[in-house]
Amino acid sequence: MIRYVALPLIFLFLFIMESVFLFFVPSYGQINDYMIVPHFLFISFVFSAMYYQRNTTLIYAFIFGAIFDIFYTSLLGVYAYLFPLTVYLVCKVMQPLYKKLAIIFVFTLTGIIFIEFLVFGIQSAVGKSSIGIEEFMYNRLWPTLVINIVFLLLFSYGLKKIFVKFYKIEDK
């Protein structure tokens, strides 16, 4: 019973923390033309899919992606489909590999890069972005990766423990 309440609360907490985090960064995530995009929620989806249940996580990824679209983007459906798609792809690629933190770390960062490039491509295609690929990589992708690497270094072990615990609770 606890996982039915705790899992969405964890995702909701990280969803809110992404917004709160941006308040601590000057100019709402923009420092000297750098755009920092925390992907704490996406990281938790990957850990949940790897250590708990993939299908349940994909449902939450879609729901929270839709909420993310409503609150943060002008294009509805982008994150609602990119979050579950990317989590699914990361899990499928990781399936034959061991679930070691270092490997998940690398594939999570690859998923973040995938999401960032697809969002940039979609925004460029519909005319919402006027920057070039070089400016995108230098001003948005690299700062985004740095902040998410720091988050992964600080919280990956804790996320693993939380989702392994949910899995063990379900086995009982």
Protein backbone atom coordinates (compact mmCIF):
# COMPACT_ATOMS: atom_id res chain seq x y z
CA MET A 1 0.00 0.00 0.00
CA ILE A 2 2.82 2.39 0.80
CA ARG A 3 4.25 2.21 -2.73
CA TYR A 4 0.92 3.38 -4.19
CA VAL A 5 1.24 6.60 -2.24
CA ALA A 6 5.00 6.98 -1.94
CA LEU A 7 5.91 6.51 -5.60
CA PRO A 8 3.76 9.35 -6.96
CA LEU A 9 4.83 11.52 -4.01
CA ILE A 10 8.50 10.98 -4.89
CA PHE A 11 7.81 11.93 -8.50
CA LEU A 12 5.75 14.94 -7.41
CA PHE A 13 8.49 16.06 -5.01
CA LEU A 14 11.13 15.89 -7.76
CA PHE A 15 8.80 17.67 -10.20
CA ILE A 16 8.46 20.52 -7.69
CA MET A 17 12.20 20.45 -6.90
CA GLU A 18 13.01 21.12 -10.55
CA SER A 19 11.04 24.37 -10.28
CA VAL A 20 12.45 25.27 -6.88
CA PHE A 21 15.97 24.57 -8.12
CA LEU A 22 15.52 27.12 -10.90
CA PHE A 23 14.69 29.80 -8.32
CA PHE A 24 18.13 29.32 -6.78
CA VAL A 25 19.82 29.79 -10.14
CA PRO A 26 19.97 33.46 -11.20
CA SER A 27 17.55 34.54 -13.93
CA TYR A 28 15.43 31.38 -13.58
CA GLY A 29 18.01 28.98 -14.91
CA GLN A 30 19.87 31.36 -17.17
CA ILE A 31 23.39 32.37 -16.21
CA ASN A 32 25.28 34.46 -18.77
CA ASP A 33 23.28 33.04 -21.69
CA TYR A 34 23.54 29.50 -20.30
CA MET A 35 20.26 27.67 -19.96
CA ILE A 36 20.26 25.07 -17.21
CA VAL A 37 17.51 22.44 -17.38
CA PRO A 38 17.31 20.06 -14.43
CA HIS A 39 16.00 16.60 -15.33
CA PHE A 40 15.63 15.27 -11.79
CA LEU A 41 12.22 13.80 -12.57
CA PHE A 42 13.45 11.98 -15.67
CA ILE A 43 16.40 10.59 -13.70
CA SER A 44 14.00 9.20 -11.10
CA PHE A 45 11.93 7.61 -13.88
CA VAL A 46 15.00 5.77 -15.17
CA PHE A 47 15.89 4.51 -11.70
CA SER A 48 12.30 3.47 -11.05
CA ALA A 49 12.15 1.59 -14.35
CA MET A 50 15.46 -0.14 -13.72
CA TYR A 51 14.97 -1.10 -10.07
CA TYR A 52 11.19 -1.22 -9.61
CA GLN A 53 8.69 -1.73 -12.44
CA ARG A 54 9.11 -0.50 -15.99
CA ASN A 55 5.43 -0.50 -16.99
CA THR A 56 4.26 1.36 -13.89
CA THR A 57 7.04 3.88 -14.39
CA LEU A 58 6.06 4.43 -18.03
CA ILE A 59 2.54 5.34 -16.93
CA TYR A 60 3.88 7.82 -14.38
CA ALA A 61 6.32 9.18 -16.97
CA PHE A 62 3.43 9.88 -19.33
CA ILE A 63 1.29 11.51 -16.62
CA PHE A 64 4.08 13.68 -15.26
CA GLY A 65 5.27 14.47 -18.79
CA ALA A 66 1.79 15.80 -19.58
CA ILE A 67 1.83 17.85 -16.36
CA PHE A 68 5.30 19.09 -17.30
CA ASP A 69 3.97 20.17 -20.71
CA ILE A 70 1.05 22.02 -19.16
CA PHE A 71 3.18 23.94 -16.68
CA TYR A 72 6.41 24.57 -18.58
CA THR A 73 6.03 24.33 -22.33
CA SER A 74 3.86 25.87 -24.99
CA LEU A 75 3.86 22.63 -27.00
CA LEU A 76 1.57 20.10 -25.38
CA GLY A 77 2.59 16.48 -25.70
CA VAL A 78 6.33 16.88 -26.17
CA TYR A 79 7.43 15.69 -22.73
CA ALA A 80 4.34 13.50 -22.30
CA TYR A 81 5.69 11.30 -25.08
CA LEU A 82 9.43 11.90 -24.74
CA PHE A 83 9.67 10.89 -21.07
CA PRO A 84 8.11 7.42 -21.49
CA LEU A 85 9.75 6.86 -24.88
CA THR A 86 13.20 7.68 -23.56
CA VAL A 87 12.74 5.65 -20.37
CA TYR A 88 11.59 2.70 -22.47
CA LEU A 89 14.57 3.00 -24.85
CA VAL A 90 17.06 3.31 -21.99
CA CYS A 91 15.56 0.22 -20.33
CA LYS A 92 15.61 -1.80 -23.55
CA VAL A 93 19.25 -0.93 -24.21
CA MET A 94 20.15 -1.65 -20.58
CA GLN A 95 18.27 -4.97 -20.44
CA PRO A 96 21.21 -7.22 -21.37
CA LEU A 97 23.61 -5.20 -19.22
CA TYR A 98 24.10 -5.28 -15.49
CA LYS A 99 22.17 -2.82 -13.36
CA LYS A 100 25.30 -1.19 -11.96
CA LEU A 101 25.09 2.46 -11.00
CA ALA A 102 27.92 3.48 -13.33
CA ILE A 103 26.20 1.96 -16.35
CA ILE A 104 22.84 3.47 -15.42
CA PHE A 105 24.62 6.80 -14.90
CA VAL A 106 25.93 6.76 -18.47
CA PHE A 107 22.64 5.66 -20.03
CA THR A 108 20.67 8.21 -18.01
CA LEU A 109 22.90 10.97 -19.33
CA THR A 110 22.46 9.56 -22.83
CA GLY A 111 18.69 9.73 -22.30
CA ILE A 112 18.96 13.37 -21.20
CA ILE A 113 20.96 14.17 -24.33
CA PHE A 114 18.33 12.38 -26.42
CA ILE A 115 15.49 14.36 -24.80
CA GLU A 116 17.32 17.67 -25.15
CA PHE A 117 18.09 17.11 -28.84
CA LEU A 118 14.53 16.02 -29.62
CA VAL A 119 13.02 18.97 -27.77
CA PHE A 120 15.41 21.31 -29.58
CA GLY A 121 14.55 19.69 -32.91
CA ILE A 122 10.80 19.92 -32.30
CA GLN A 123 11.06 23.54 -31.15
CA SER A 124 13.19 24.41 -34.18
CA ALA A 125 10.77 22.67 -36.54
CA VAL A 126 7.75 24.61 -35.27
CA GLY A 127 9.65 27.91 -35.05
CA LYS A 128 9.81 28.18 -31.24
CA SER A 129 13.62 28.19 -31.19
CA SER A 130 15.79 30.61 -33.10
CA ILE A 131 19.21 29.42 -31.94
CA GLY A 132 21.59 27.26 -33.94
CA ILE A 133 22.88 23.82 -33.01
CA GLU A 134 26.26 25.15 -31.82
CA GLU A 135 24.64 27.69 -29.54
CA PHE A 136 22.23 25.03 -28.27
CA MET A 137 25.07 22.66 -27.43
CA TYR A 138 27.24 25.30 -25.79
CA ASN A 139 24.57 27.30 -23.96
CA ARG A 140 21.99 24.65 -23.06
CA LEU A 141 23.20 21.06 -23.46
CA TRP A 142 26.53 21.27 -21.61
CA PRO A 143 25.23 23.25 -18.59
CA THR A 144 22.23 20.90 -18.42
CA LEU A 145 24.51 17.86 -18.41
CA VAL A 146 26.73 19.35 -15.70
CA ILE A 147 23.86 20.02 -13.30
CA ASN A 148 22.34 16.59 -13.92
CA ILE A 149 25.71 14.89 -13.43
CA VAL A 150 25.98 16.61 -10.05
CA PHE A 151 22.45 15.44 -9.17
CA LEU A 152 23.29 11.88 -10.23
CA LEU A 153 26.51 11.89 -8.21
CA LEU A 154 24.70 13.10 -5.11
CA PHE A 155 21.47 11.10 -5.30
CA SER A 156 21.88 8.02 -7.51
CA TYR A 157 22.67 5.67 -4.64
CA GLY A 158 19.68 6.94 -2.65
CA LEU A 159 17.34 6.59 -5.63
CA LYS A 160 18.55 3.04 -6.18
CA LYS A 161 17.89 2.17 -2.52
CA ILE A 162 14.38 3.66 -2.63
CA PHE A 163 13.28 1.76 -5.73
CA VAL A 164 14.89 -1.51 -4.66
CA LYS A 165 12.97 -1.16 -1.39
CA PHE A 166 9.69 -0.68 -3.31
CA TYR A 167 10.47 -3.81 -5.30
CA LYS A 168 11.14 -5.80 -2.13
CA ILE A 169 7.94 -4.53 -0.49
CA GLU A 170 5.96 -5.78 -3.48
CA ASP A 171 7.54 -9.25 -3.28
CA LYS A 172 6.20 -9.76 0.26
